[in-house]
Amino acid sequence: MDRARNPTALGPLEPGTPQRVAARRRVWDIAWTAACTLFALWAVLGAVGAVRGAANAWWWCGCGAVLLVLALWARRSARRNALRPVRGGDEGR
């Protein structure tokens, strides 16, 4: 499909294009959101198991909480790094 006929077309996702960078960041954002959701579910289910008296449930809850904190920290730093301008480009030319 030609971009002249369809102005909303993305165009080719060739290396170095802004569309490819945006698509990669979007996929990473979706992946981190899914990981955070799974770790939160793991921690909540561990806490429910601990309240019900399951053996070693506090360990499962603690592991899920630690993984959730690490995933949230990594997601936050990845989003913050995505907002920074890329260095070493055409600056000063």
PDB file of N, CA and C in Angstrom:
ATOM      1  N   MET A   1       0.841  -1.175   0.000  1.00  0.00           N
ATOM      2  CA  MET A   1       0.000   0.000   0.000  1.00  0.00           C
ATOM      3  C   MET A   1       0.887   1.239   0.000  1.00  0.00           C
ATOM      4  N   ASP A   2       0.583   2.174  -0.789  1.00  0.00           N
ATOM      5  CA  ASP A   2       1.374   3.385  -0.936  1.00  0.00           C
ATOM      6  C   ASP A   2       0.936   4.420   0.096  1.00  0.00           C
ATOM      7  N   ARG A   3       1.903   5.109   0.674  1.00  0.00           N
ATOM      8  CA  ARG A   3       1.574   6.132   1.679  1.00  0.00           C
ATOM      9  C   ARG A   3       0.876   7.324   1.057  1.00  0.00           C
ATOM     10  N   ALA A   4       1.069   7.558  -0.241  1.00  0.00           N
ATOM     11  CA  ALA A   4       0.386   8.672  -0.906  1.00  0.00           C
ATOM     12  C   ALA A   4      -1.118   8.418  -0.966  1.00  0.00           C
ATOM     13  N   ARG A   5      -1.495   7.152  -1.139  1.00  0.00           N
ATOM     14  CA  ARG A   5      -2.917   6.819  -1.186  1.00  0.00           C
ATOM     15  C   ARG A   5      -3.512   6.669   0.211  1.00  0.00           C
ATOM     16  N   ASN A   6      -2.715   6.226   1.161  1.00  0.00           N
ATOM     17  CA  ASN A   6      -3.189   6.016   2.517  1.00  0.00           C
ATOM     18  C   ASN A   6      -2.249   6.745   3.485  1.00  0.00           C
ATOM     19  N   PRO A   7      -2.576   7.970   3.878  1.00  0.00           N
ATOM     20  CA  PRO A   7      -1.664   8.738   4.726  1.00  0.00           C
ATOM     21  C   PRO A   7      -1.524   8.187   6.140  1.00  0.00           C
ATOM     22  N   THR A   8      -2.392   7.265   6.564  1.00  0.00           N
ATOM     23  CA  THR A   8      -2.293   6.702   7.906  1.00  0.00           C
ATOM     24  C   THR A   8      -1.424   5.460   7.945  1.00  0.00           C
ATOM     25  N   ALA A   9      -0.895   5.017   6.818  1.00  0.00           N
ATOM     26  CA  ALA A   9      -0.038   3.828   6.788  1.00  0.00           C
ATOM     27  C   ALA A   9       1.260   4.114   7.528  1.00  0.00           C
ATOM     28  N   LEU A  10       1.745   3.118   8.238  1.00  0.00           N
ATOM     29  CA  LEU A  10       2.975   3.282   9.008  1.00  0.00           C
ATOM     30  C   LEU A  10       4.210   3.350   8.134  1.00  0.00           C
ATOM     31  N   GLY A  11       4.218   2.661   7.064  1.00  0.00           N
ATOM     32  CA  GLY A  11       5.419   2.566   6.256  1.00  0.00           C
ATOM     33  C   GLY A  11       6.258   1.390   6.736  1.00  0.00           C
ATOM     34  N   PRO A  12       7.374   1.186   6.102  1.00  0.00           N
ATOM     35  CA  PRO A  12       8.209   0.036   6.482  1.00  0.00           C
ATOM     36  C   PRO A  12       8.840   0.242   7.853  1.00  0.00           C
ATOM     37  N   LEU A  13       8.914  -0.828   8.605  1.00  0.00           N
ATOM     38  CA  LEU A  13       9.548  -0.788   9.923  1.00  0.00           C
ATOM     39  C   LEU A  13      11.018  -1.172   9.782  1.00  0.00           C
ATOM     40  N   GLU A  14      11.752  -0.365   9.079  1.00  0.00           N
ATOM     41  CA  GLU A  14      13.167  -0.630   8.860  1.00  0.00           C
ATOM     42  C   GLU A  14      13.959  -0.203  10.088  1.00  0.00           C
ATOM     43  N   PRO A  15      15.133  -0.788  10.295  1.00  0.00           N
ATOM     44  CA  PRO A  15      15.958  -0.409  11.445  1.00  0.00           C
ATOM     45  C   PRO A  15      16.288   1.078  11.424  1.00  0.00           C
ATOM     46  N   GLY A  16      16.137   1.697  12.591  1.00  0.00           N
ATOM     47  CA  GLY A  16      16.472   3.102  12.728  1.00  0.00           C
ATOM     48  C   GLY A  16      15.326   4.055  12.496  1.00  0.00           C
ATOM     49  N   THR A  17      14.171   3.552  12.075  1.00  0.00           N
ATOM     50  CA  THR A  17      13.035   4.441  11.843  1.00  0.00           C
ATOM     51  C   THR A  17      12.311   4.698  13.165  1.00  0.00           C
ATOM     52  N   PRO A  18      11.686   5.861  13.303  1.00  0.00           N
ATOM     53  CA  PRO A  18      10.958   6.159  14.541  1.00  0.00           C
ATOM     54  C   PRO A  18       9.809   5.175  14.802  1.00  0.00           C
ATOM     55  N   GLN A  19       9.197   4.658  13.737  1.00  0.00           N
ATOM     56  CA  GLN A  19       8.106   3.711  13.924  1.00  0.00           C
ATOM     57  C   GLN A  19       8.606   2.421  14.576  1.00  0.00           C
ATOM     58  N   ARG A  20       9.783   1.988  14.173  1.00  0.00           N
ATOM     59  CA  ARG A  20      10.334   0.751  14.746  1.00  0.00           C
ATOM     60  C   ARG A  20      10.694   0.944  16.210  1.00  0.00           C
ATOM     61  N   VAL A  21      11.268   2.092  16.540  1.00  0.00           N
ATOM     62  CA  VAL A  21      11.613   2.379  17.932  1.00  0.00           C
ATOM     63  C   VAL A  21      10.340   2.443  18.781  1.00  0.00           C
ATOM     64  N   ALA A  22       9.303   3.105  18.262  1.00  0.00           N
ATOM     65  CA  ALA A  22       8.046   3.201  18.997  1.00  0.00           C
ATOM     66  C   ALA A  22       7.400   1.831  19.170  1.00  0.00           C
ATOM     67  N   ALA A  23       7.456   1.001  18.151  1.00  0.00           N
ATOM     68  CA  ALA A  23       6.876  -0.342  18.245  1.00  0.00           C
ATOM     69  C   ALA A  23       7.633  -1.182  19.266  1.00  0.00           C
ATOM     70  N   ARG A  24       8.951  -1.094  19.272  1.00  0.00           N
ATOM     71  CA  ARG A  24       9.747  -1.851  20.237  1.00  0.00           C
ATOM     72  C   ARG A  24       9.435  -1.404  21.666  1.00  0.00           C
ATOM     73  N   ARG A  25       9.332  -0.102  21.878  1.00  0.00           N
ATOM     74  CA  ARG A  25       9.011   0.407  23.225  1.00  0.00           C
ATOM     75  C   ARG A  25       7.615  -0.032  23.650  1.00  0.00           C
ATOM     76  N   ARG A  26       6.680  -0.046  22.724  1.00  0.00           N
ATOM     77  CA  ARG A  26       5.315  -0.461  23.046  1.00  0.00           C
ATOM     78  C   ARG A  26       5.270  -1.944  23.423  1.00  0.00           C
ATOM     79  N   VAL A  27       6.007  -2.781  22.717  1.00  0.00           N
ATOM     80  CA  VAL A  27       6.037  -4.208  23.035  1.00  0.00           C
ATOM     81  C   VAL A  27       6.661  -4.431  24.411  1.00  0.00           C
ATOM     82  N   TRP A  28       7.740  -3.732  24.702  1.00  0.00           N
ATOM     83  CA  TRP A  28       8.364  -3.857  26.018  1.00  0.00           C
ATOM     84  C   TRP A  28       7.419  -3.379  27.119  1.00  0.00           C
ATOM     85  N   ASP A  29       6.685  -2.314  26.870  1.00  0.00           N
ATOM     86  CA  ASP A  29       5.741  -1.807  27.857  1.00  0.00           C
ATOM     87  C   ASP A  29       4.645  -2.831  28.131  1.00  0.00           C
ATOM     88  N   ILE A  30       4.151  -3.465  27.082  1.00  0.00           N
ATOM     89  CA  ILE A  30       3.124  -4.497  27.254  1.00  0.00           C
ATOM     90  C   ILE A  30       3.687  -5.692  28.016  1.00  0.00           C
ATOM     91  N   ALA A  31       4.915  -6.081  27.714  1.00  0.00           N
ATOM     92  CA  ALA A  31       5.537  -7.223  28.394  1.00  0.00           C
ATOM     93  C   ALA A  31       5.736  -6.937  29.884  1.00  0.00           C
ATOM     94  N   TRP A  32       6.217  -5.738  30.216  1.00  0.00           N
ATOM     95  CA  TRP A  32       6.421  -5.397  31.623  1.00  0.00           C
ATOM     96  C   TRP A  32       5.088  -5.302  32.355  1.00  0.00           C
ATOM     97  N   THR A  33       4.070  -4.794  31.707  1.00  0.00           N
ATOM     98  CA  THR A  33       2.748  -4.723  32.340  1.00  0.00           C
ATOM     99  C   THR A  33       2.218  -6.121  32.623  1.00  0.00           C
ATOM    100  N   ALA A  34       2.401  -7.033  31.684  1.00  0.00           N
ATOM    101  CA  ALA A  34       1.960  -8.420  31.897  1.00  0.00           C
ATOM    102  C   ALA A  34       2.737  -9.075  33.034  1.00  0.00           C
ATOM    103  N   ALA A  35       4.037  -8.846  33.099  1.00  0.00           N
ATOM    104  CA  ALA A  35       4.843  -9.422  34.178  1.00  0.00           C
ATOM    105  C   ALA A  35       4.407  -8.869  35.532  1.00  0.00           C
ATOM    106  N   CYS A  36       4.176  -7.566  35.608  1.00  0.00           N
ATOM    107  CA  CYS A  36       3.729  -6.961  36.867  1.00  0.00           C
ATOM    108  C   CYS A  36       2.376  -7.523  37.294  1.00  0.00           C
ATOM    109  N   THR A  37       1.488  -7.725  36.336  1.00  0.00           N
ATOM    110  CA  THR A  37       0.176  -8.284  36.652  1.00  0.00           C
ATOM    111  C   THR A  37       0.293  -9.705  37.191  1.00  0.00           C
ATOM    112  N   LEU A  38       1.124 -10.509  36.560  1.00  0.00           N
ATOM    113  CA  LEU A  38       1.304 -11.888  37.032  1.00  0.00           C
ATOM    114  C   LEU A  38       1.943 -11.948  38.414  1.00  0.00           C
ATOM    115  N   PHE A  39       2.942 -11.110  38.658  1.00  0.00           N
ATOM    116  CA  PHE A  39       3.589 -11.112  39.971  1.00  0.00           C
ATOM    117  C   PHE A  39       2.646 -10.605  41.058  1.00  0.00           C
ATOM    118  N   ALA A  40       1.806  -9.619  40.733  1.00  0.00           N
ATOM    119  CA  ALA A  40       0.820  -9.135  41.704  1.00  0.00           C
ATOM    120  C   ALA A  40      -0.190 -10.237  42.027  1.00  0.00           C
ATOM    121  N   LEU A  41      -0.628 -10.945  41.008  1.00  0.00           N
ATOM    122  CA  LEU A  41      -1.557 -12.057  41.221  1.00  0.00           C
ATOM    123  C   LEU A  41      -0.915 -13.144  42.073  1.00  0.00           C
ATOM    124  N   TRP A  42       0.363 -13.430  41.819  1.00  0.00           N
ATOM    125  CA  TRP A  42       1.094 -14.419  42.589  1.00  0.00           C
ATOM    126  C   TRP A  42       1.161 -14.012  44.054  1.00  0.00           C
ATOM    127  N   ALA A  43       1.468 -12.739  44.317  1.00  0.00           N
ATOM    128  CA  ALA A  43       1.563 -12.271  45.699  1.00  0.00           C
ATOM    129  C   ALA A  43       0.210 -12.311  46.395  1.00  0.00           C
ATOM    130  N   VAL A  44      -0.842 -11.918  45.699  1.00  0.00           N
ATOM    131  CA  VAL A  44      -2.182 -11.925  46.307  1.00  0.00           C
ATOM    132  C   VAL A  44      -2.627 -13.350  46.591  1.00  0.00           C
ATOM    133  N   LEU A  45      -2.407 -14.246  45.651  1.00  0.00           N
ATOM    134  CA  LEU A  45      -2.798 -15.642  45.899  1.00  0.00           C
ATOM    135  C   LEU A  45      -1.985 -16.261  47.037  1.00  0.00           C
ATOM    136  N   GLY A  46      -0.727 -15.875  47.154  1.00  0.00           N
ATOM    137  CA  GLY A  46       0.070 -16.340  48.291  1.00  0.00           C
ATOM    138  C   GLY A  46      -0.472 -15.818  49.605  1.00  0.00           C
ATOM    139  N   ALA A  47      -0.890 -14.564  49.636  1.00  0.00           N
ATOM    140  CA  ALA A  47      -1.461 -13.993  50.855  1.00  0.00           C
ATOM    141  C   ALA A  47      -2.787 -14.667  51.206  1.00  0.00           C
ATOM    142  N   VAL A  48      -3.604 -14.957  50.188  1.00  0.00           N
ATOM    143  CA  VAL A  48      -4.871 -15.657  50.441  1.00  0.00           C
ATOM    144  C   VAL A  48      -4.590 -17.049  50.977  1.00  0.00           C
ATOM    145  N   GLY A  49      -3.611 -17.715  50.417  1.00  0.00           N
ATOM    146  CA  GLY A  49      -3.239 -19.041  50.914  1.00  0.00           C
ATOM    147  C   GLY A  49      -2.730 -18.983  52.348  1.00  0.00           C
ATOM    148  N   ALA A  50      -1.989 -17.937  52.689  1.00  0.00           N
ATOM    149  CA  ALA A  50      -1.484 -17.798  54.050  1.00  0.00           C
ATOM    150  C   ALA A  50      -2.628 -17.566  55.031  1.00  0.00           C
ATOM    151  N   VAL A  51      -3.612 -16.772  54.633  1.00  0.00           N
ATOM    152  CA  VAL A  51      -4.762 -16.519  55.501  1.00  0.00           C
ATOM    153  C   VAL A  51      -5.565 -17.806  55.706  1.00  0.00           C
ATOM    154  N   ARG A  52      -5.620 -18.632  54.678  1.00  0.00           N
ATOM    155  CA  ARG A  52      -6.369 -19.894  54.777  1.00  0.00           C
ATOM    156  C   ARG A  52      -5.567 -20.972  55.500  1.00  0.00           C
ATOM    157  N   GLY A  53      -4.293 -20.722  55.758  1.00  0.00           N
ATOM    158  CA  GLY A  53      -3.489 -21.669  56.524  1.00  0.00           C
ATOM    159  C   GLY A  53      -2.679 -22.640  55.692  1.00  0.00           C
ATOM    160  N   ALA A  54      -2.417 -22.332  54.464  1.00  0.00           N
ATOM    161  CA  ALA A  54      -1.618 -23.223  53.616  1.00  0.00           C
ATOM    162  C   ALA A  54      -0.160 -23.207  54.074  1.00  0.00           C
ATOM    163  N   ALA A  55       0.493 -24.340  53.928  1.00  0.00           N
ATOM    164  CA  ALA A  55       1.892 -24.462  54.346  1.00  0.00           C
ATOM    165  C   ALA A  55       2.793 -23.651  53.420  1.00  0.00           C
ATOM    166  N   ASN A  56       3.723 -22.929  53.983  1.00  0.00           N
ATOM    167  CA  ASN A  56       4.719 -22.124  53.254  1.00  0.00           C
ATOM    168  C   ASN A  56       4.106 -21.050  52.364  1.00  0.00           C
ATOM    169  N   ALA A  57       2.882 -20.643  52.622  1.00  0.00           N
ATOM    170  CA  ALA A  57       2.231 -19.642  51.779  1.00  0.00           C
ATOM    171  C   ALA A  57       2.884 -18.274  51.946  1.00  0.00           C
ATOM    172  N   TRP A  58       3.401 -17.968  53.142  1.00  0.00           N
ATOM    173  CA  TRP A  58       4.055 -16.666  53.327  1.00  0.00           C
ATOM    174  C   TRP A  58       5.303 -16.558  52.472  1.00  0.00           C
ATOM    175  N   TRP A  59       5.994 -17.686  52.261  1.00  0.00           N
ATOM    176  CA  TRP A  59       7.168 -17.658  51.387  1.00  0.00           C
ATOM    177  C   TRP A  59       6.755 -17.348  49.956  1.00  0.00           C
ATOM    178  N   TRP A  60       5.674 -17.982  49.492  1.00  0.00           N
ATOM    179  CA  TRP A  60       5.191 -17.714  48.139  1.00  0.00           C
ATOM    180  C   TRP A  60       4.740 -16.268  47.998  1.00  0.00           C
ATOM    181  N   CYS A  61       4.079 -15.760  49.014  1.00  0.00           N
ATOM    182  CA  CYS A  61       3.626 -14.367  48.997  1.00  0.00           C
ATOM    183  C   CYS A  61       4.826 -13.423  48.970  1.00  0.00           C
ATOM    184  N   GLY A  62       5.838 -13.714  49.780  1.00  0.00           N
ATOM    185  CA  GLY A  62       7.052 -12.881  49.819  1.00  0.00           C
ATOM    186  C   GLY A  62       7.809 -12.908  48.503  1.00  0.00           C
ATOM    187  N   CYS A  63       7.926 -14.088  47.909  1.00  0.00           N
ATOM    188  CA  CYS A  63       8.607 -14.189  46.613  1.00  0.00           C
ATOM    189  C   CYS A  63       7.851 -13.413  45.538  1.00  0.00           C
ATOM    190  N   GLY A  64       6.540 -13.532  45.526  1.00  0.00           N
ATOM    191  CA  GLY A  64       5.744 -12.783  44.558  1.00  0.00           C
ATOM    192  C   GLY A  64       5.872 -11.283  44.763  1.00  0.00           C
ATOM    193  N   ALA A  65       5.905 -10.844  46.033  1.00  0.00           N
ATOM    194  CA  ALA A  65       6.035  -9.413  46.317  1.00  0.00           C
ATOM    195  C   ALA A  65       7.398  -8.881  45.895  1.00  0.00           C
ATOM    196  N   VAL A  66       8.447  -9.651  46.154  1.00  0.00           N
ATOM    197  CA  VAL A  66       9.800  -9.219  45.753  1.00  0.00           C
ATOM    198  C   VAL A  66       9.901  -9.127  44.230  1.00  0.00           C
ATOM    199  N   LEU A  67       9.398 -10.133  43.539  1.00  0.00           N
ATOM    200  CA  LEU A  67       9.419 -10.100  42.073  1.00  0.00           C
ATOM    201  C   LEU A  67       8.576  -8.956  41.525  1.00  0.00           C
ATOM    202  N   LEU A  68       7.456  -8.658  42.177  1.00  0.00           N
ATOM    203  CA  LEU A  68       6.619  -7.536  41.754  1.00  0.00           C
ATOM    204  C   LEU A  68       7.365  -6.217  41.906  1.00  0.00           C
ATOM    205  N   VAL A  69       8.041  -6.041  43.028  1.00  0.00           N
ATOM    206  CA  VAL A  69       8.802  -4.798  43.251  1.00  0.00           C
ATOM    207  C   VAL A  69       9.919  -4.667  42.219  1.00  0.00           C
ATOM    208  N   LEU A  70      10.627  -5.751  41.947  1.00  0.00           N
ATOM    209  CA  LEU A  70      11.699  -5.702  40.944  1.00  0.00           C
ATOM    210  C   LEU A  70      11.149  -5.396  39.549  1.00  0.00           C
ATOM    211  N   ALA A  71      10.032  -6.002  39.189  1.00  0.00           N
ATOM    212  CA  ALA A  71       9.445  -5.751  37.871  1.00  0.00           C
ATOM    213  C   ALA A  71       8.935  -4.315  37.753  1.00  0.00           C
ATOM    214  N   LEU A  72       8.336  -3.790  38.823  1.00  0.00           N
ATOM    215  CA  LEU A  72       7.877  -2.403  38.797  1.00  0.00           C
ATOM    216  C   LEU A  72       9.049  -1.429  38.693  1.00  0.00           C
ATOM    217  N   TRP A  73      10.132  -1.728  39.402  1.00  0.00           N
ATOM    218  CA  TRP A  73      11.320  -0.875  39.332  1.00  0.00           C
ATOM    219  C   TRP A  73      11.912  -0.904  37.918  1.00  0.00           C
ATOM    220  N   ALA A  74      12.011  -2.089  37.329  1.00  0.00           N
ATOM    221  CA  ALA A  74      12.562  -2.197  35.975  1.00  0.00           C
ATOM    222  C   ALA A  74      11.654  -1.508  34.957  1.00  0.00           C
ATOM    223  N   ARG A  75      10.351  -1.632  35.120  1.00  0.00           N
ATOM    224  CA  ARG A  75       9.425  -0.975  34.203  1.00  0.00           C
ATOM    225  C   ARG A  75       9.524   0.544  34.324  1.00  0.00           C
ATOM    226  N   ARG A  76       9.628   1.037  35.559  1.00  0.00           N
ATOM    227  CA  ARG A  76       9.730   2.482  35.772  1.00  0.00           C
ATOM    228  C   ARG A  76      11.015   3.031  35.169  1.00  0.00           C
ATOM    229  N   SER A  77      12.121   2.329  35.374  1.00  0.00           N
ATOM    230  CA  SER A  77      13.379   2.815  34.816  1.00  0.00           C
ATOM    231  C   SER A  77      13.401   2.699  33.290  1.00  0.00           C
ATOM    232  N   ALA A  78      12.745   1.691  32.740  1.00  0.00           N
ATOM    233  CA  ALA A  78      12.679   1.570  31.281  1.00  0.00           C
ATOM    234  C   ALA A  78      11.847   2.699  30.685  1.00  0.00           C
ATOM    235  N   ARG A  79      10.750   3.046  31.335  1.00  0.00           N
ATOM    236  CA  ARG A  79       9.918   4.150  30.847  1.00  0.00           C
ATOM    237  C   ARG A  79      10.646   5.482  30.975  1.00  0.00           C
ATOM    238  N   ARG A  80      11.399   5.652  32.081  1.00  0.00           N
ATOM    239  CA  ARG A  80      12.152   6.891  32.257  1.00  0.00           C
ATOM    240  C   ARG A  80      13.262   6.994  31.220  1.00  0.00           C
ATOM    241  N   ASN A  81      13.925   5.882  30.917  1.00  0.00           N
ATOM    242  CA  ASN A  81      14.972   5.894  29.895  1.00  0.00           C
ATOM    243  C   ASN A  81      14.402   6.136  28.509  1.00  0.00           C
ATOM    244  N   ALA A  82      13.166   5.731  28.274  1.00  0.00           N
ATOM    245  CA  ALA A  82      12.539   5.955  26.970  1.00  0.00           C
ATOM    246  C   ALA A  82      12.263   7.435  26.739  1.00  0.00           C
ATOM    247  N   LEU A  83      12.125   8.203  27.808  1.00  0.00           N
ATOM    248  CA  LEU A  83      11.855   9.626  27.667  1.00  0.00           C
ATOM    249  C   LEU A  83      13.124  10.440  27.450  1.00  0.00           C
ATOM    250  N   ARG A  84      14.272   9.861  27.755  1.00  0.00           N
ATOM    251  CA  ARG A  84      15.531  10.577  27.570  1.00  0.00           C
ATOM    252  C   ARG A  84      15.886  10.650  26.091  1.00  0.00           C
ATOM    253  N   PRO A  85      16.486  11.759  25.686  1.00  0.00           N
ATOM    254  CA  PRO A  85      16.922  11.834  24.282  1.00  0.00           C
ATOM    255  C   PRO A  85      18.130  10.927  24.055  1.00  0.00           C
ATOM    256  N   VAL A  86      18.242  10.428  22.848  1.00  0.00           N
ATOM    257  CA  VAL A  86      19.357   9.552  22.489  1.00  0.00           C
ATOM    258  C   VAL A  86      20.599  10.401  22.259  1.00  0.00           C
ATOM    259  N   ARG A  87      21.687  10.022  22.906  1.00  0.00           N
ATOM    260  CA  ARG A  87      22.928  10.781  22.773  1.00  0.00           C
ATOM    261  C   ARG A  87      23.745  10.242  21.599  1.00  0.00           C
ATOM    262  N   GLY A  88      24.619  11.074  21.094  1.00  0.00           N
ATOM    263  CA  GLY A  88      25.513  10.656  20.027  1.00  0.00           C
ATOM    264  C   GLY A  88      24.887  10.757  18.657  1.00  0.00           C
ATOM    265  N   GLY A  89      23.782  11.436  18.560  1.00  0.00           N
ATOM    266  CA  GLY A  89      23.126  11.576  17.264  1.00  0.00           C
ATOM    267  C   GLY A  89      23.697  12.727  16.481  1.00  0.00           C
ATOM    268  N   ASP A  90      22.846  13.546  15.914  1.00  0.00           N
ATOM    269  CA  ASP A  90      23.277  14.674  15.080  1.00  0.00           C
ATOM    270  C   ASP A  90      23.394  15.962  15.885  1.00  0.00           C
ATOM    271  N   GLU A  91      23.738  15.854  17.158  1.00  0.00           N
ATOM    272  CA  GLU A  91      23.846  17.033  17.989  1.00  0.00           C
ATOM    273  C   GLU A  91      25.058  17.864  17.566  1.00  0.00           C
ATOM    274  N   GLY A  92      24.881  19.142  17.457  1.00  0.00           N
ATOM    275  CA  GLY A  92      25.980  20.036  17.157  1.00  0.00           C
ATOM    276  C   GLY A  92      26.316  20.131  15.692  1.00  0.00           C
ATOM    277  N   ARG A  93      25.555  19.536  14.836  1.00  0.00           N
ATOM    278  CA  ARG A  93      25.831  19.615  13.393  1.00  0.00           C
ATOM    279  C   ARG A  93      24.973  20.650  12.747  1.00  0.00           C
TER     280      ARG A  93
END
